[in-house]
Amino acid sequence: MEKTVILKKSHVEDLLSMDDCLKAVETAFIQDALGKVQMPPKNYLFFRRYGGDLRIMPSYLEELEMAGVKCVNVHPSNPGRYSLPTVMAVIELVDPETGFPIALMDGTYITDMRTGAAGGVSVRYLARKDSGTLGIVGAGRQAWTQLMAIDRVVDLEEVYVYCRTPENREKFTYKASNTFEVPVRAASSPEEAVRGMDIVVTVTPSREPVVKAEWVSPGTHICAMGADAPGKQELDPKILISARVFYDNWEQASHSGEINVPLKMGILGEDDLQGTVGDVITGRIQGRTSDDDITVFDSTGLSLQDVVSAWMVYERAVEEGRGVEIDLQG
C-alpha cells in the first residue's frame, strides 16, 4: 500500500534553499505563461469577527506532472494576541495519475520563501542591471525573505528598512547586518526607505497607500508584495498610472492585488497594465524599456509556486528518508 509522507517545518527548512525557490518560482511563471497549468483563483473564507481569512489554492502543472493544494491563513493579530505566526499553511501534494496524497507538509516556510523568491525573480527581469540600493517598507518575516532573494540576484550595496515599530526595525537591521554582506540600516520614515532607492519592496497589510509617488525616483523597480486581499493597497495610485505594471496572475491581482483598488475606482484599466512576469521571462512582452522606467510587480502569490517548491522538498525527503510515512487508507 502506498504511503503518504508527512513533513514538519523543520524538515522543509532543511530541504529547501532560497536558490531552490528562485528556480521553482521562475519555473512556475514560465509554465503559467505557456498555458500548461490549471490554477483556479484563490478561494477565500473571511473570519470577519477575528480579522483573519483562510485561502484555498489548488494547481496542476500538466507538463511537469505536479499537482497539489495549499490551505493558508492570514491573521494579522496572531503574533501579539496568541504568539502564533500571522501566516500558517499546509500543503498537500497529489499524484496526478491516481489522486493519491503522496505528501502532506508544513507550508508556512514554503510560503515565506517562495514569496520572497517571486520578488527576487521580478528584480532579476525588471530592475535596472546596475541596481544596488534597496528600500523595504515592513520588517516582518516576508521582509526577511525578500532581502534573502534580492541579495541572490543583484549586487546590493545598501539597504534601508522601515516599519512603524522602532524596536522591530532595529532588531531586523541588527540581524540582517550580521547575516548579509551589505550595510542594512533602519529608516526613520517610509520616505527615507523609498526615496532614491533602485529597488523598493512593500510588505505591509495596509489598506491605504504607504508609498507616495513623489518619493519614487525614475528607474526604480517596486515589488508590491503586501496587498493580498480585496481592499488592500500599499502604493499611491499615481505610481501605477505612470509605471510599467506587471503582475503574477490577472484574476488574482485584479481581485486582491495591489491593482485591485485602483481598478475598482476606475483609475486603472487592464489595458494600462503590461502583463505577467512570466510573459517577460518567455519573451512574449518587453519588461523594462529604458533605465528611466518605473516598473512595478504586483505579487499575489501563486499556488504553482507552492507546488513546485513543495515537490522539490518531497523528492529530496524521499531520497534522504526524511519525514514520517503513514497509511491514510488504513
C-alpha atoms as a PDB file:
ATOM      1  CA  MET A   1       0.000   0.000   0.000  1.00  0.00           C
ATOM      2  CA  GLU A   2       1.355   3.422  -0.949  1.00  0.00           C
ATOM      3  CA  LYS A   3       2.204   5.690   1.969  1.00  0.00           C
ATOM      4  CA  THR A   4       1.842   9.434   2.499  1.00  0.00           C
ATOM      5  CA  VAL A   5       4.982  11.315   3.576  1.00  0.00           C
ATOM      6  CA  ILE A   6       4.421  13.758   6.440  1.00  0.00           C
ATOM      7  CA  LEU A   7       6.968  16.590   6.710  1.00  0.00           C
ATOM      8  CA  LYS A   8       7.277  19.076   9.561  1.00  0.00           C
ATOM      9  CA  LYS A   9       8.511  22.634   9.207  1.00  0.00           C
ATOM     10  CA  SER A  10      11.973  21.606  10.395  1.00  0.00           C
ATOM     11  CA  HIS A  11      12.181  19.068   7.554  1.00  0.00           C
ATOM     12  CA  VAL A  12      11.143  21.670   4.993  1.00  0.00           C
ATOM     13  CA  GLU A  13      13.675  24.209   6.298  1.00  0.00           C
ATOM     14  CA  ASP A  14      16.468  21.637   5.956  1.00  0.00           C
ATOM     15  CA  LEU A  15      15.476  20.635   2.442  1.00  0.00           C
ATOM     16  CA  LEU A  16      14.681  23.968   0.729  1.00  0.00           C
ATOM     17  CA  SER A  17      17.082  26.845  -0.012  1.00  0.00           C
ATOM     18  CA  MET A  18      16.418  30.273  -1.493  1.00  0.00           C
ATOM     19  CA  ASP A  19      18.259  29.259  -4.660  1.00  0.00           C
ATOM     20  CA  ASP A  20      15.827  26.334  -4.930  1.00  0.00           C
ATOM     21  CA  CYS A  21      12.872  28.693  -4.537  1.00  0.00           C
ATOM     22  CA  LEU A  22      14.165  31.111  -7.154  1.00  0.00           C
ATOM     23  CA  LYS A  23      14.341  28.213  -9.635  1.00  0.00           C
ATOM     24  CA  ALA A  24      10.922  26.904  -8.603  1.00  0.00           C
ATOM     25  CA  VAL A  25       9.203  30.280  -8.906  1.00  0.00           C
ATOM     26  CA  GLU A  26      10.744  31.013 -12.295  1.00  0.00           C
ATOM     27  CA  THR A  27       9.620  27.573 -13.490  1.00  0.00           C
ATOM     28  CA  ALA A  28       6.091  28.276 -12.241  1.00  0.00           C
ATOM     29  CA  PHE A  29       5.990  31.658 -14.013  1.00  0.00           C
ATOM     30  CA  ILE A  30       7.148  30.071 -17.282  1.00  0.00           C
ATOM     31  CA  GLN A  31       4.682  27.161 -17.162  1.00  0.00           C
ATOM     32  CA  ASP A  32       1.850  29.586 -16.457  1.00  0.00           C
ATOM     33  CA  ALA A  33       2.878  31.882 -19.332  1.00  0.00           C
ATOM     34  CA  LEU A  34       2.980  28.895 -21.691  1.00  0.00           C
ATOM     35  CA  GLY A  35      -0.556  27.908 -20.683  1.00  0.00           C
ATOM     36  CA  LYS A  36       0.480  24.496 -19.386  1.00  0.00           C
ATOM     37  CA  VAL A  37      -1.194  24.743 -15.998  1.00  0.00           C
ATOM     38  CA  GLN A  38      -4.543  24.631 -14.264  1.00  0.00           C
ATOM     39  CA  MET A  39      -4.820  27.127 -11.432  1.00  0.00           C
ATOM     40  CA  PRO A  40      -8.244  28.374 -10.323  1.00  0.00           C
ATOM     41  CA  PRO A  41      -8.161  31.717  -8.484  1.00  0.00           C
ATOM     42  CA  LYS A  42      -7.805  31.561  -4.718  1.00  0.00           C
ATOM     43  CA  ASN A  43     -10.980  30.918  -2.762  1.00  0.00           C
ATOM     44  CA  TYR A  44     -11.372  32.898   0.469  1.00  0.00           C
ATOM     45  CA  LEU A  45     -13.176  32.366   3.751  1.00  0.00           C
ATOM     46  CA  PHE A  46     -13.321  35.639   5.702  1.00  0.00           C
ATOM     47  CA  PHE A  47     -13.403  35.361   9.507  1.00  0.00           C
ATOM     48  CA  ARG A  48     -14.557  38.947   9.976  1.00  0.00           C
ATOM     49  CA  ARG A  49     -15.149  38.535  13.706  1.00  0.00           C
ATOM     50  CA  TYR A  50     -11.450  37.755  14.147  1.00  0.00           C
ATOM     51  CA  GLY A  51      -9.931  39.863  11.382  1.00  0.00           C
ATOM     52  CA  GLY A  52      -8.493  36.882   9.525  1.00  0.00           C
ATOM     53  CA  ASP A  53      -9.076  34.733   6.470  1.00  0.00           C
ATOM     54  CA  LEU A  54      -8.409  31.279   5.019  1.00  0.00           C
ATOM     55  CA  ARG A  55      -7.371  30.708   1.409  1.00  0.00           C
ATOM     56  CA  ILE A  56      -7.560  27.522  -0.668  1.00  0.00           C
ATOM     57  CA  MET A  57      -5.065  27.373  -3.546  1.00  0.00           C
ATOM     58  CA  PRO A  58      -5.035  24.353  -5.914  1.00  0.00           C
ATOM     59  CA  SER A  59      -2.945  23.900  -9.059  1.00  0.00           C
ATOM     60  CA  TYR A  60      -1.716  21.362 -11.597  1.00  0.00           C
ATOM     61  CA  LEU A  61       1.372  21.748 -13.777  1.00  0.00           C
ATOM     62  CA  GLU A  62       0.437  19.434 -16.633  1.00  0.00           C
ATOM     63  CA  GLU A  63       3.812  19.209 -18.391  1.00  0.00           C
ATOM     64  CA  LEU A  64       5.708  18.612 -15.139  1.00  0.00           C
ATOM     65  CA  GLU A  65       3.083  16.238 -13.699  1.00  0.00           C
ATOM     66  CA  MET A  66       2.889  18.085 -10.392  1.00  0.00           C
ATOM     67  CA  ALA A  67      -0.359  18.764  -8.537  1.00  0.00           C
ATOM     68  CA  GLY A  68      -1.338  19.947  -5.105  1.00  0.00           C
ATOM     69  CA  VAL A  69      -3.287  22.344  -2.947  1.00  0.00           C
ATOM     70  CA  LYS A  70      -2.294  24.812  -0.241  1.00  0.00           C
ATOM     71  CA  CYS A  71      -4.524  25.843   2.632  1.00  0.00           C
ATOM     72  CA  VAL A  72      -3.196  29.080   4.147  1.00  0.00           C
ATOM     73  CA  ASN A  73      -4.468  31.589   6.689  1.00  0.00           C
ATOM     74  CA  VAL A  74      -3.696  35.274   7.252  1.00  0.00           C
ATOM     75  CA  HIS A  75      -4.452  36.520  10.796  1.00  0.00           C
ATOM     76  CA  PRO A  76      -2.543  39.778  11.463  1.00  0.00           C
ATOM     77  CA  SER A  77      -3.387  39.800  15.188  1.00  0.00           C
ATOM     78  CA  ASN A  78      -1.863  36.367  15.833  1.00  0.00           C
ATOM     79  CA  PRO A  79       1.662  37.412  16.911  1.00  0.00           C
ATOM     80  CA  GLY A  80       0.510  39.847  19.575  1.00  0.00           C
ATOM     81  CA  ARG A  81      -2.579  38.013  20.787  1.00  0.00           C
ATOM     82  CA  TYR A  82      -1.744  34.322  20.550  1.00  0.00           C
ATOM     83  CA  SER A  83       2.027  34.107  19.920  1.00  0.00           C
ATOM     84  CA  LEU A  84       1.245  32.473  16.576  1.00  0.00           C
ATOM     85  CA  PRO A  85       2.523  33.476  13.113  1.00  0.00           C
ATOM     86  CA  THR A  86       0.353  35.760  11.006  1.00  0.00           C
ATOM     87  CA  VAL A  87       0.557  33.245   8.167  1.00  0.00           C
ATOM     88  CA  MET A  88       0.389  29.451   8.560  1.00  0.00           C
ATOM     89  CA  ALA A  89      -0.069  26.909   5.803  1.00  0.00           C
ATOM     90  CA  VAL A  90      -0.367  23.228   4.958  1.00  0.00           C
ATOM     91  CA  ILE A  91       0.417  21.807   1.503  1.00  0.00           C
ATOM     92  CA  GLU A  92      -0.899  18.523   0.116  1.00  0.00           C
ATOM     93  CA  LEU A  93       0.796  17.046  -2.948  1.00  0.00           C
ATOM     94  CA  VAL A  94      -1.251  14.704  -5.134  1.00  0.00           C
ATOM     95  CA  ASP A  95      -0.219  12.097  -7.702  1.00  0.00           C
ATOM     96  CA  PRO A  96      -1.999  13.330 -10.865  1.00  0.00           C
ATOM     97  CA  GLU A  97      -2.392   9.758 -12.168  1.00  0.00           C
ATOM     98  CA  THR A  98      -4.248   8.363  -9.159  1.00  0.00           C
ATOM     99  CA  GLY A  99      -5.168  11.331  -6.985  1.00  0.00           C
ATOM    100  CA  PHE A 100      -3.287   9.701  -4.103  1.00  0.00           C
ATOM    101  CA  PRO A 101      -1.990  12.161  -1.454  1.00  0.00           C
ATOM    102  CA  ILE A 102       1.739  11.480  -1.710  1.00  0.00           C
ATOM    103  CA  ALA A 103       2.782  14.180   0.780  1.00  0.00           C
ATOM    104  CA  LEU A 104       1.420  16.465   3.464  1.00  0.00           C
ATOM    105  CA  MET A 105       3.778  19.134   4.719  1.00  0.00           C
ATOM    106  CA  ASP A 106       4.002  22.387   6.598  1.00  0.00           C
ATOM    107  CA  GLY A 107       3.650  25.179   4.061  1.00  0.00           C
ATOM    108  CA  THR A 108       4.467  28.168   6.256  1.00  0.00           C
ATOM    109  CA  TYR A 109       8.172  28.211   5.429  1.00  0.00           C
ATOM    110  CA  ILE A 110       7.486  27.495   1.754  1.00  0.00           C
ATOM    111  CA  THR A 111       5.016  30.401   1.648  1.00  0.00           C
ATOM    112  CA  ASP A 112       7.603  32.784   3.089  1.00  0.00           C
ATOM    113  CA  MET A 113      10.395  31.570   0.837  1.00  0.00           C
ATOM    114  CA  ARG A 114       8.531  31.360  -2.462  1.00  0.00           C
ATOM    115  CA  THR A 115       7.018  34.819  -1.911  1.00  0.00           C
ATOM    116  CA  GLY A 116      10.480  36.206  -1.314  1.00  0.00           C
ATOM    117  CA  ALA A 117      11.673  34.387  -4.428  1.00  0.00           C
ATOM    118  CA  ALA A 118       8.834  35.891  -6.504  1.00  0.00           C
ATOM    119  CA  GLY A 119      10.124  39.347  -5.614  1.00  0.00           C
ATOM    120  CA  GLY A 120      13.641  38.210  -6.448  1.00  0.00           C
ATOM    121  CA  VAL A 121      12.628  36.883  -9.874  1.00  0.00           C
ATOM    122  CA  SER A 122      10.844  40.164 -10.643  1.00  0.00           C
ATOM    123  CA  VAL A 123      14.019  42.050  -9.720  1.00  0.00           C
ATOM    124  CA  ARG A 124      16.076  39.791 -11.982  1.00  0.00           C
ATOM    125  CA  TYR A 125      13.888  40.578 -15.005  1.00  0.00           C
ATOM    126  CA  LEU A 126      12.562  44.096 -14.331  1.00  0.00           C
ATOM    127  CA  ALA A 127      15.064  46.055 -12.235  1.00  0.00           C
ATOM    128  CA  ARG A 128      17.915  48.018 -13.765  1.00  0.00           C
ATOM    129  CA  LYS A 129      21.006  45.852 -14.154  1.00  0.00           C
ATOM    130  CA  ASP A 130      23.091  48.303 -12.115  1.00  0.00           C
ATOM    131  CA  SER A 131      20.648  48.358  -9.175  1.00  0.00           C
ATOM    132  CA  GLY A 132      22.437  48.413  -5.833  1.00  0.00           C
ATOM    133  CA  THR A 133      20.193  50.084  -3.254  1.00  0.00           C
ATOM    134  CA  LEU A 134      17.114  48.517  -1.673  1.00  0.00           C
ATOM    135  CA  GLY A 135      14.414  50.047   0.498  1.00  0.00           C
ATOM    136  CA  ILE A 136      11.968  47.809   2.387  1.00  0.00           C
ATOM    137  CA  VAL A 137       8.753  49.052   3.978  1.00  0.00           C
ATOM    138  CA  GLY A 138       7.800  46.430   6.547  1.00  0.00           C
ATOM    139  CA  ALA A 139      10.058  44.376   8.813  1.00  0.00           C
ATOM    140  CA  GLY A 140       8.331  41.027   9.279  1.00  0.00           C
ATOM    141  CA  ARG A 141       9.205  37.550   8.067  1.00  0.00           C
ATOM    142  CA  GLN A 142       8.358  38.440   4.495  1.00  0.00           C
ATOM    143  CA  ALA A 143      10.728  41.410   4.552  1.00  0.00           C
ATOM    144  CA  TRP A 144      13.449  38.956   5.521  1.00  0.00           C
ATOM    145  CA  THR A 145      12.849  36.538   2.636  1.00  0.00           C
ATOM    146  CA  GLN A 146      12.569  39.425   0.173  1.00  0.00           C
ATOM    147  CA  LEU A 147      16.016  40.542   1.273  1.00  0.00           C
ATOM    148  CA  MET A 148      17.290  36.954   1.050  1.00  0.00           C
ATOM    149  CA  ALA A 149      16.075  36.600  -2.539  1.00  0.00           C
ATOM    150  CA  ILE A 150      17.069  40.032  -3.846  1.00  0.00           C
ATOM    151  CA  ASP A 151      20.534  39.617  -2.335  1.00  0.00           C
ATOM    152  CA  ARG A 152      20.896  36.500  -4.513  1.00  0.00           C
ATOM    153  CA  VAL A 153      20.051  38.241  -7.811  1.00  0.00           C
ATOM    154  CA  VAL A 154      21.709  41.692  -7.567  1.00  0.00           C
ATOM    155  CA  ASP A 155      24.881  43.054  -6.002  1.00  0.00           C
ATOM    156  CA  LEU A 156      23.398  45.043  -3.133  1.00  0.00           C
ATOM    157  CA  GLU A 157      25.392  47.968  -1.747  1.00  0.00           C
ATOM    158  CA  GLU A 158      22.977  49.411   0.815  1.00  0.00           C
ATOM    159  CA  VAL A 159      19.613  48.508   2.354  1.00  0.00           C
ATOM    160  CA  TYR A 160      17.154  50.659   4.331  1.00  0.00           C
ATOM    161  CA  VAL A 161      14.260  49.158   6.294  1.00  0.00           C
ATOM    162  CA  TYR A 162      11.258  50.919   7.833  1.00  0.00           C
ATOM    163  CA  CYS A 163       8.375  49.688   9.934  1.00  0.00           C
ATOM    164  CA  ARG A 164       6.089  51.509  12.358  1.00  0.00           C
ATOM    165  CA  THR A 165       7.604  49.906  15.453  1.00  0.00           C
ATOM    166  CA  PRO A 166      11.132  51.247  16.103  1.00  0.00           C
ATOM    167  CA  GLU A 167      12.112  48.197  18.145  1.00  0.00           C
ATOM    168  CA  ASN A 168      11.178  45.824  15.321  1.00  0.00           C
ATOM    169  CA  ARG A 169      13.085  47.691  12.649  1.00  0.00           C
ATOM    170  CA  GLU A 170      16.155  47.947  14.899  1.00  0.00           C
ATOM    171  CA  LYS A 171      16.030  44.204  15.567  1.00  0.00           C
ATOM    172  CA  PHE A 172      15.614  43.499  11.863  1.00  0.00           C
ATOM    173  CA  THR A 173      18.521  45.689  10.795  1.00  0.00           C
ATOM    174  CA  TYR A 174      20.811  44.315  13.511  1.00  0.00           C
ATOM    175  CA  LYS A 175      20.126  40.718  12.493  1.00  0.00           C
ATOM    176  CA  ALA A 176      20.314  41.478   8.764  1.00  0.00           C
ATOM    177  CA  SER A 177      23.598  43.384   9.112  1.00  0.00           C
ATOM    178  CA  ASN A 178      25.092  40.324  10.777  1.00  0.00           C
ATOM    179  CA  THR A 179      23.681  37.923   8.188  1.00  0.00           C
ATOM    180  CA  PHE A 180      24.176  39.624   4.821  1.00  0.00           C
ATOM    181  CA  GLU A 181      27.342  41.143   3.433  1.00  0.00           C
ATOM    182  CA  VAL A 182      25.724  44.543   2.950  1.00  0.00           C
ATOM    183  CA  PRO A 183      25.026  47.517   5.268  1.00  0.00           C
ATOM    184  CA  VAL A 184      21.415  47.359   6.481  1.00  0.00           C
ATOM    185  CA  ARG A 185      20.108  50.500   8.181  1.00  0.00           C
ATOM    186  CA  ALA A 186      16.892  51.420   9.968  1.00  0.00           C
ATOM    187  CA  ALA A 187      14.916  54.188   8.261  1.00  0.00           C
ATOM    188  CA  SER A 188      13.034  56.669  10.424  1.00  0.00           C
ATOM    189  CA  SER A 189      10.188  57.057   7.905  1.00  0.00           C
ATOM    190  CA  PRO A 190       8.793  55.271   4.849  1.00  0.00           C
ATOM    191  CA  GLU A 191      10.035  58.180   2.761  1.00  0.00           C
ATOM    192  CA  GLU A 192      13.610  57.576   3.905  1.00  0.00           C
ATOM    193  CA  ALA A 193      13.264  53.912   2.962  1.00  0.00           C
ATOM    194  CA  VAL A 194      11.955  54.741  -0.517  1.00  0.00           C
ATOM    195  CA  ARG A 195      13.486  57.993  -1.784  1.00  0.00           C
ATOM    196  CA  GLY A 196      16.481  57.427  -4.055  1.00  0.00           C
ATOM    197  CA  MET A 197      16.301  53.614  -3.925  1.00  0.00           C
ATOM    198  CA  ASP A 198      16.880  51.482  -7.015  1.00  0.00           C
ATOM    199  CA  ILE A 199      14.570  48.767  -5.691  1.00  0.00           C
ATOM    200  CA  VAL A 200      11.659  49.191  -3.273  1.00  0.00           C
ATOM    201  CA  VAL A 201       9.774  46.378  -1.536  1.00  0.00           C
ATOM    202  CA  THR A 202       6.479  46.901   0.293  1.00  0.00           C
ATOM    203  CA  VAL A 203       5.397  44.139   2.660  1.00  0.00           C
ATOM    204  CA  THR A 204       2.661  45.551   4.876  1.00  0.00           C
ATOM    205  CA  PRO A 205      -1.030  44.712   5.476  1.00  0.00           C
ATOM    206  CA  SER A 206      -2.021  48.302   4.693  1.00  0.00           C
ATOM    207  CA  ARG A 207      -5.398  49.328   3.285  1.00  0.00           C
ATOM    208  CA  GLU A 208      -4.172  52.768   2.280  1.00  0.00           C
ATOM    209  CA  PRO A 209      -1.052  53.888   0.388  1.00  0.00           C
ATOM    210  CA  VAL A 210       2.165  53.905   2.379  1.00  0.00           C
ATOM    211  CA  VAL A 211       4.424  54.945  -0.537  1.00  0.00           C
ATOM    212  CA  LYS A 212       3.850  58.293  -2.245  1.00  0.00           C
ATOM    213  CA  ALA A 213       4.555  58.925  -5.912  1.00  0.00           C
ATOM    214  CA  GLU A 214       6.871  61.858  -5.258  1.00  0.00           C
ATOM    215  CA  TRP A 215       9.247  59.620  -3.292  1.00  0.00           C
ATOM    216  CA  VAL A 216       9.860  57.230  -6.196  1.00  0.00           C
ATOM    217  CA  SER A 217      12.801  58.016  -8.470  1.00  0.00           C
ATOM    218  CA  PRO A 218      12.913  57.341 -12.229  1.00  0.00           C
ATOM    219  CA  GLY A 219      14.302  53.877 -12.862  1.00  0.00           C
ATOM    220  CA  THR A 220      13.012  52.346  -9.619  1.00  0.00           C
ATOM    221  CA  HIS A 221      11.627  48.826  -9.537  1.00  0.00           C
ATOM    222  CA  ILE A 222       8.908  48.214  -6.931  1.00  0.00           C
ATOM    223  CA  CYS A 223       7.913  44.822  -5.552  1.00  0.00           C
ATOM    224  CA  ALA A 224       4.397  45.345  -4.182  1.00  0.00           C
ATOM    225  CA  MET A 225       4.019  42.226  -2.051  1.00  0.00           C
ATOM    226  CA  GLY A 226       1.603  43.156   0.751  1.00  0.00           C
ATOM    227  CA  ALA A 227      -1.764  43.552  -0.965  1.00  0.00           C
ATOM    228  CA  ASP A 228      -3.264  40.061  -0.940  1.00  0.00           C
ATOM    229  CA  ALA A 229      -6.967  40.610  -0.245  1.00  0.00           C
ATOM    230  CA  PRO A 230      -9.711  42.917  -1.547  1.00  0.00           C
ATOM    231  CA  GLY A 231      -9.329  46.490  -0.303  1.00  0.00           C
ATOM    232  CA  LYS A 232      -5.610  46.257   0.446  1.00  0.00           C
ATOM    233  CA  GLN A 233      -3.133  48.629  -1.193  1.00  0.00           C
ATOM    234  CA  GLU A 234       0.337  49.989  -0.440  1.00  0.00           C
ATOM    235  CA  LEU A 235       1.164  52.300  -3.357  1.00  0.00           C
ATOM    236  CA  ASP A 236      -0.088  55.730  -4.315  1.00  0.00           C
ATOM    237  CA  PRO A 237      -2.204  55.027  -7.452  1.00  0.00           C
ATOM    238  CA  LYS A 238      -0.259  57.808  -9.230  1.00  0.00           C
ATOM    239  CA  ILE A 239       2.717  55.423  -9.229  1.00  0.00           C
ATOM    240  CA  LEU A 240       0.740  52.778 -11.092  1.00  0.00           C
ATOM    241  CA  ILE A 241      -0.596  55.249 -13.633  1.00  0.00           C
ATOM    242  CA  SER A 242       2.894  56.307 -14.721  1.00  0.00           C
ATOM    243  CA  ALA A 243       4.705  52.969 -14.280  1.00  0.00           C
ATOM    244  CA  ARG A 244       5.032  49.789 -16.298  1.00  0.00           C
ATOM    245  CA  VAL A 245       2.974  47.411 -14.174  1.00  0.00           C
ATOM    246  CA  PHE A 246       3.360  43.631 -14.204  1.00  0.00           C
ATOM    247  CA  TYR A 247       1.521  41.030 -12.145  1.00  0.00           C
ATOM    248  CA  ASP A 248       1.721  37.313 -11.419  1.00  0.00           C
ATOM    249  CA  ASN A 249      -1.873  36.432 -12.328  1.00  0.00           C
ATOM    250  CA  TRP A 250      -4.614  38.679 -13.708  1.00  0.00           C
ATOM    251  CA  GLU A 251      -7.570  37.037 -11.955  1.00  0.00           C
ATOM    252  CA  GLN A 252      -5.912  37.189  -8.554  1.00  0.00           C
ATOM    253  CA  ALA A 253      -4.301  40.606  -8.939  1.00  0.00           C
ATOM    254  CA  SER A 254      -7.498  42.259 -10.151  1.00  0.00           C
ATOM    255  CA  HIS A 255      -9.402  40.718  -7.251  1.00  0.00           C
ATOM    256  CA  SER A 256      -6.979  41.194  -4.380  1.00  0.00           C
ATOM    257  CA  GLY A 257      -3.576  42.506  -5.523  1.00  0.00           C
ATOM    258  CA  GLU A 258      -2.081  45.980  -5.476  1.00  0.00           C
ATOM    259  CA  ILE A 259      -4.130  46.939  -8.527  1.00  0.00           C
ATOM    260  CA  ASN A 260      -7.493  45.855  -7.068  1.00  0.00           C
ATOM    261  CA  VAL A 261      -8.466  49.213  -5.519  1.00  0.00           C
ATOM    262  CA  PRO A 262      -7.407  51.413  -8.470  1.00  0.00           C
ATOM    263  CA  LEU A 263      -9.271  49.083 -10.840  1.00  0.00           C
ATOM    264  CA  LYS A 264     -12.466  49.295  -8.777  1.00  0.00           C
ATOM    265  CA  MET A 265     -12.136  53.082  -8.622  1.00  0.00           C
ATOM    266  CA  GLY A 266     -11.725  53.299 -12.407  1.00  0.00           C
ATOM    267  CA  ILE A 267      -8.279  54.868 -12.069  1.00  0.00           C
ATOM    268  CA  LEU A 268      -6.699  51.950 -13.927  1.00  0.00           C
ATOM    269  CA  GLY A 269      -7.902  49.568 -16.625  1.00  0.00           C
ATOM    270  CA  GLU A 270      -6.478  46.260 -17.815  1.00  0.00           C
ATOM    271  CA  ASP A 271      -5.119  47.986 -20.917  1.00  0.00           C
ATOM    272  CA  ASP A 272      -2.964  50.210 -18.677  1.00  0.00           C
ATOM    273  CA  LEU A 273      -1.039  47.166 -17.429  1.00  0.00           C
ATOM    274  CA  GLN A 274       1.740  45.351 -19.259  1.00  0.00           C
ATOM    275  CA  GLY A 275       1.136  41.672 -18.450  1.00  0.00           C
ATOM    276  CA  THR A 276       2.654  38.892 -16.388  1.00  0.00           C
ATOM    277  CA  VAL A 277       6.233  38.437 -15.266  1.00  0.00           C
ATOM    278  CA  GLY A 278       6.061  35.025 -16.939  1.00  0.00           C
ATOM    279  CA  ASP A 279       5.394  36.745 -20.265  1.00  0.00           C
ATOM    280  CA  VAL A 280       8.527  38.848 -19.710  1.00  0.00           C
ATOM    281  CA  ILE A 281      10.631  35.775 -18.893  1.00  0.00           C
ATOM    282  CA  THR A 282       9.444  33.926 -22.011  1.00  0.00           C
ATOM    283  CA  GLY A 283       9.999  36.993 -24.206  1.00  0.00           C
ATOM    284  CA  ARG A 284       6.348  37.480 -25.123  1.00  0.00           C
ATOM    285  CA  ILE A 285       6.334  41.044 -23.824  1.00  0.00           C
ATOM    286  CA  GLN A 286       9.033  43.566 -23.077  1.00  0.00           C
ATOM    287  CA  GLY A 287       9.859  44.361 -19.475  1.00  0.00           C
ATOM    288  CA  ARG A 288      11.899  47.480 -18.892  1.00  0.00           C
ATOM    289  CA  THR A 289      12.221  49.704 -21.970  1.00  0.00           C
ATOM    290  CA  SER A 290      14.719  52.204 -20.521  1.00  0.00           C
ATOM    291  CA  ASP A 291      16.725  52.956 -17.386  1.00  0.00           C
ATOM    292  CA  ASP A 292      14.181  55.655 -16.526  1.00  0.00           C
ATOM    293  CA  ASP A 293      11.163  53.332 -16.440  1.00  0.00           C
ATOM    294  CA  ILE A 294       9.465  52.837 -13.117  1.00  0.00           C
ATOM    295  CA  THR A 295       8.437  49.178 -13.009  1.00  0.00           C
ATOM    296  CA  VAL A 296       6.015  47.572 -10.564  1.00  0.00           C
ATOM    297  CA  PHE A 297       5.494  43.892  -9.787  1.00  0.00           C
ATOM    298  CA  ASP A 298       2.086  43.177  -8.237  1.00  0.00           C
ATOM    299  CA  SER A 299       2.504  39.852  -6.437  1.00  0.00           C
ATOM    300  CA  THR A 300      -0.478  37.910  -5.101  1.00  0.00           C
ATOM    301  CA  GLY A 301       1.222  34.530  -4.731  1.00  0.00           C
ATOM    302  CA  LEU A 302       0.573  31.541  -6.983  1.00  0.00           C
ATOM    303  CA  SER A 303      -0.261  28.008  -5.910  1.00  0.00           C
ATOM    304  CA  LEU A 304       2.007  26.920  -8.753  1.00  0.00           C
ATOM    305  CA  GLN A 305       4.957  28.377  -6.850  1.00  0.00           C
ATOM    306  CA  ASP A 306       3.988  26.418  -3.746  1.00  0.00           C
ATOM    307  CA  VAL A 307       3.555  23.151  -5.619  1.00  0.00           C
ATOM    308  CA  VAL A 308       6.884  23.299  -7.498  1.00  0.00           C
ATOM    309  CA  SER A 309       8.737  24.261  -4.315  1.00  0.00           C
ATOM    310  CA  ALA A 310       6.967  21.571  -2.288  1.00  0.00           C
ATOM    311  CA  TRP A 311       7.688  18.955  -4.947  1.00  0.00           C
ATOM    312  CA  MET A 312      11.406  19.706  -4.610  1.00  0.00           C
ATOM    313  CA  VAL A 313      11.095  19.163  -0.861  1.00  0.00           C
ATOM    314  CA  TYR A 314       9.142  15.923  -1.321  1.00  0.00           C
ATOM    315  CA  GLU A 315      11.631  14.408  -3.773  1.00  0.00           C
ATOM    316  CA  ARG A 316      14.564  15.230  -1.519  1.00  0.00           C
ATOM    317  CA  ALA A 317      12.725  13.901   1.526  1.00  0.00           C
ATOM    318  CA  VAL A 318      12.125  10.561  -0.238  1.00  0.00           C
ATOM    319  CA  GLU A 319      15.730  10.400  -1.409  1.00  0.00           C
ATOM    320  CA  GLU A 320      17.082  11.114   2.081  1.00  0.00           C
ATOM    321  CA  GLY A 321      14.475   9.142   4.019  1.00  0.00           C
ATOM    322  CA  ARG A 322      13.154  12.217   5.840  1.00  0.00           C
ATOM    323  CA  GLY A 323       9.755  12.625   7.448  1.00  0.00           C
ATOM    324  CA  VAL A 324       7.210  10.048   8.568  1.00  0.00           C
ATOM    325  CA  GLU A 325       5.308   7.693   6.271  1.00  0.00           C
ATOM    326  CA  ILE A 326       1.715   6.919   7.242  1.00  0.00           C
ATOM    327  CA  ASP A 327      -1.061   4.841   5.696  1.00  0.00           C
ATOM    328  CA  LEU A 328      -4.018   7.220   5.427  1.00  0.00           C
ATOM    329  CA  GLN A 329      -6.079   4.437   3.851  1.00  0.00           C
ATOM    330  CA  GLY A 330      -5.562   2.007   6.725  1.00  0.00           C
END
